[in-house]
Amino acid sequence: QVQLVESGGGSVQPGGSLRLSCAASGFTFRMYGMSWYRQAPGKERELVATITGAGGTTNYADSVKGRFTISRDNAKNTVYLQMNSLKREDTAVYYCRARAYMTDDYWGQGTQVTVSS
């Protein structure tokens, strides 16, 4: 069955870095656009970054541009989110999402990122 498993979350001080991973299985990974979303307490889930199936095109929310980098390794069926210069407002649960064919839409279970001194 389809699985998206996020990992790499944790607690970090402001200015620190984390790299999130999302391991995919159960579908043809290279055919799917992948995204990272996040949801902070009391707020709606928001899009953080996207990457196309071949990895040639990426897009970022304005709030993370220049600090976060999305990438993928289609040989490993994994998408990454490198997060640098973390701020307290980056604290949230981070989710990966896979979409394709206008009908397929899969989510992971999320991983907590906490930025605090």
C-alpha atoms as a PDB file:
ATOM      1  CA  GLN A   1       0.000   0.000   0.000  1.00  0.00           C
ATOM      2  CA  VAL A   2       0.983   3.633  -0.321  1.00  0.00           C
ATOM      3  CA  GLN A   3       3.173   4.962   2.453  1.00  0.00           C
ATOM      4  CA  LEU A   4       4.856   8.288   3.104  1.00  0.00           C
ATOM      5  CA  VAL A   5       7.027   8.267   6.200  1.00  0.00           C
ATOM      6  CA  GLU A   6       8.572  11.505   7.412  1.00  0.00           C
ATOM      7  CA  SER A   7      11.601  11.636   9.665  1.00  0.00           C
ATOM      8  CA  GLY A   8      14.253  14.076  10.825  1.00  0.00           C
ATOM      9  CA  GLY A   9      12.155  16.348  12.980  1.00  0.00           C
ATOM     10  CA  GLY A  10      13.205  17.441  16.428  1.00  0.00           C
ATOM     11  CA  SER A  11      14.091  20.387  18.604  1.00  0.00           C
ATOM     12  CA  VAL A  12      16.626  22.981  17.531  1.00  0.00           C
ATOM     13  CA  GLN A  13      17.676  26.446  18.626  1.00  0.00           C
ATOM     14  CA  PRO A  14      16.934  29.507  16.510  1.00  0.00           C
ATOM     15  CA  GLY A  15      19.470  29.766  13.722  1.00  0.00           C
ATOM     16  CA  GLY A  16      19.961  26.023  13.610  1.00  0.00           C
ATOM     17  CA  SER A  17      19.336  23.509  10.847  1.00  0.00           C
ATOM     18  CA  LEU A  18      17.390  20.316  10.308  1.00  0.00           C
ATOM     19  CA  ARG A  19      16.916  18.023   7.337  1.00  0.00           C
ATOM     20  CA  LEU A  20      13.590  16.292   6.953  1.00  0.00           C
ATOM     21  CA  SER A  21      13.173  13.152   4.891  1.00  0.00           C
ATOM     22  CA  CYS A  22      10.059  11.551   3.458  1.00  0.00           C
ATOM     23  CA  ALA A  23      10.408   7.962   2.300  1.00  0.00           C
ATOM     24  CA  ALA A  24       7.786   6.852  -0.201  1.00  0.00           C
ATOM     25  CA  SER A  25       6.569   3.408  -1.168  1.00  0.00           C
ATOM     26  CA  GLY A  26       3.639   1.793  -2.941  1.00  0.00           C
ATOM     27  CA  PHE A  27       3.571   4.058  -6.001  1.00  0.00           C
ATOM     28  CA  THR A  28       5.796   5.170  -8.880  1.00  0.00           C
ATOM     29  CA  PHE A  29       7.597   7.917  -7.020  1.00  0.00           C
ATOM     30  CA  ARG A  30       9.252   9.629  -9.995  1.00  0.00           C
ATOM     31  CA  MET A  31       5.839  10.307 -11.552  1.00  0.00           C
ATOM     32  CA  TYR A  32       4.596  12.306  -8.584  1.00  0.00           C
ATOM     33  CA  GLY A  33       5.049  15.907  -7.642  1.00  0.00           C
ATOM     34  CA  MET A  34       6.087  16.151  -4.015  1.00  0.00           C
ATOM     35  CA  SER A  35       5.433  18.868  -1.501  1.00  0.00           C
ATOM     36  CA  TRP A  36       6.150  19.763   2.091  1.00  0.00           C
ATOM     37  CA  TYR A  37       3.431  21.381   4.163  1.00  0.00           C
ATOM     38  CA  ARG A  38       3.395  22.493   7.775  1.00  0.00           C
ATOM     39  CA  GLN A  39       0.785  23.166  10.414  1.00  0.00           C
ATOM     40  CA  ALA A  40       1.442  25.203  13.519  1.00  0.00           C
ATOM     41  CA  PRO A  41      -0.831  24.996  16.579  1.00  0.00           C
ATOM     42  CA  GLY A  42      -4.047  26.893  15.981  1.00  0.00           C
ATOM     43  CA  LYS A  43      -3.208  27.618  12.347  1.00  0.00           C
ATOM     44  CA  GLU A  44      -4.184  26.163   9.008  1.00  0.00           C
ATOM     45  CA  ARG A  45      -1.889  23.827   7.143  1.00  0.00           C
ATOM     46  CA  GLU A  46       0.274  25.774   4.708  1.00  0.00           C
ATOM     47  CA  LEU A  47       2.384  24.903   1.699  1.00  0.00           C
ATOM     48  CA  VAL A  48       6.117  25.187   2.291  1.00  0.00           C
ATOM     49  CA  ALA A  49       7.781  23.868  -0.877  1.00  0.00           C
ATOM     50  CA  THR A  50       7.111  21.800  -3.978  1.00  0.00           C
ATOM     51  CA  ILE A  51       9.210  19.861  -6.464  1.00  0.00           C
ATOM     52  CA  THR A  52       8.280  18.258  -9.760  1.00  0.00           C
ATOM     53  CA  GLY A  53       8.699  14.564 -10.517  1.00  0.00           C
ATOM     54  CA  ALA A  54      12.027  14.939 -12.258  1.00  0.00           C
ATOM     55  CA  GLY A  55      13.158  17.518  -9.741  1.00  0.00           C
ATOM     56  CA  GLY A  56      13.652  20.234 -12.311  1.00  0.00           C
ATOM     57  CA  THR A  57      11.280  22.785 -10.838  1.00  0.00           C
ATOM     58  CA  THR A  58      10.897  23.893  -7.247  1.00  0.00           C
ATOM     59  CA  ASN A  59       8.752  26.505  -5.561  1.00  0.00           C
ATOM     60  CA  TYR A  60       8.773  27.932  -2.063  1.00  0.00           C
ATOM     61  CA  ALA A  61       6.577  29.909   0.254  1.00  0.00           C
ATOM     62  CA  ASP A  62       7.887  33.442   0.662  1.00  0.00           C
ATOM     63  CA  SER A  63       8.429  32.813   4.362  1.00  0.00           C
ATOM     64  CA  VAL A  64      11.071  30.135   3.695  1.00  0.00           C
ATOM     65  CA  LYS A  65      12.738  31.321   0.489  1.00  0.00           C
ATOM     66  CA  GLY A  66      16.490  31.439   0.836  1.00  0.00           C
ATOM     67  CA  ARG A  67      16.415  29.298   3.997  1.00  0.00           C
ATOM     68  CA  PHE A  68      14.785  25.998   2.954  1.00  0.00           C
ATOM     69  CA  THR A  69      15.678  23.722   0.059  1.00  0.00           C
ATOM     70  CA  ILE A  70      13.521  20.906  -1.266  1.00  0.00           C
ATOM     71  CA  SER A  71      15.164  18.080  -3.183  1.00  0.00           C
ATOM     72  CA  ARG A  72      14.481  14.486  -4.153  1.00  0.00           C
ATOM     73  CA  ASP A  73      16.319  11.288  -4.924  1.00  0.00           C
ATOM     74  CA  ASN A  74      14.183   9.203  -7.238  1.00  0.00           C
ATOM     75  CA  ALA A  75      16.531   6.249  -6.887  1.00  0.00           C
ATOM     76  CA  LYS A  76      15.779   6.214  -3.156  1.00  0.00           C
ATOM     77  CA  ASN A  77      12.107   7.214  -3.418  1.00  0.00           C
ATOM     78  CA  THR A  78      12.790  10.002  -0.967  1.00  0.00           C
ATOM     79  CA  VAL A  79      12.129  13.717  -0.816  1.00  0.00           C
ATOM     80  CA  TYR A  80      14.048  16.029   1.498  1.00  0.00           C
ATOM     81  CA  LEU A  81      13.613  19.415   3.077  1.00  0.00           C
ATOM     82  CA  GLN A  82      16.810  21.088   4.204  1.00  0.00           C
ATOM     83  CA  MET A  83      15.933  23.810   6.694  1.00  0.00           C
ATOM     84  CA  ASN A  84      18.545  26.378   7.624  1.00  0.00           C
ATOM     85  CA  SER A  85      18.447  29.556   9.712  1.00  0.00           C
ATOM     86  CA  LEU A  86      15.417  28.228  11.544  1.00  0.00           C
ATOM     87  CA  LYS A  87      13.143  30.670  13.320  1.00  0.00           C
ATOM     88  CA  ARG A  88      10.676  30.191  16.152  1.00  0.00           C
ATOM     89  CA  GLU A  89       7.854  30.705  13.676  1.00  0.00           C
ATOM     90  CA  ASP A  90       9.001  27.615  11.770  1.00  0.00           C
ATOM     91  CA  THR A  91       7.746  25.488  14.670  1.00  0.00           C
ATOM     92  CA  ALA A  92       5.079  23.162  13.286  1.00  0.00           C
ATOM     93  CA  VAL A  93       4.266  19.629  12.278  1.00  0.00           C
ATOM     94  CA  TYR A  94       5.724  19.070   8.807  1.00  0.00           C
ATOM     95  CA  TYR A  95       3.970  16.792   6.329  1.00  0.00           C
ATOM     96  CA  CYS A  96       4.951  15.492   2.930  1.00  0.00           C
ATOM     97  CA  ARG A  97       2.422  15.093   0.159  1.00  0.00           C
ATOM     98  CA  ALA A  98       2.471  13.216  -3.155  1.00  0.00           C
ATOM     99  CA  ARG A  99       0.175  14.150  -6.032  1.00  0.00           C
ATOM    100  CA  ALA A 100      -0.326  12.965  -9.595  1.00  0.00           C
ATOM    101  CA  TYR A 101      -2.907  12.221 -12.284  1.00  0.00           C
ATOM    102  CA  MET A 102      -5.411  14.710 -10.851  1.00  0.00           C
ATOM    103  CA  THR A 103      -6.685  11.941  -8.592  1.00  0.00           C
ATOM    104  CA  ASP A 104      -3.823  10.543  -6.565  1.00  0.00           C
ATOM    105  CA  ASP A 105      -3.195  12.493  -3.379  1.00  0.00           C
ATOM    106  CA  TYR A 106      -1.239  10.986  -0.483  1.00  0.00           C
ATOM    107  CA  TRP A 107      -0.078  12.415   2.838  1.00  0.00           C
ATOM    108  CA  GLY A 108       2.419  11.336   5.432  1.00  0.00           C
ATOM    109  CA  GLN A 109       1.757  11.272   9.150  1.00  0.00           C
ATOM    110  CA  GLY A 110       3.922  14.289   9.949  1.00  0.00           C
ATOM    111  CA  THR A 111       7.037  15.052  11.945  1.00  0.00           C
ATOM    112  CA  GLN A 112       7.332  17.696  14.661  1.00  0.00           C
ATOM    113  CA  VAL A 113       9.823  20.541  14.325  1.00  0.00           C
ATOM    114  CA  THR A 114      10.294  22.768  17.351  1.00  0.00           C
ATOM    115  CA  VAL A 115      12.503  25.854  17.243  1.00  0.00           C
ATOM    116  CA  SER A 116      13.169  27.162  20.714  1.00  0.00           C
ATOM    117  CA  SER A 117      15.959  28.460  22.865  1.00  0.00           C
END
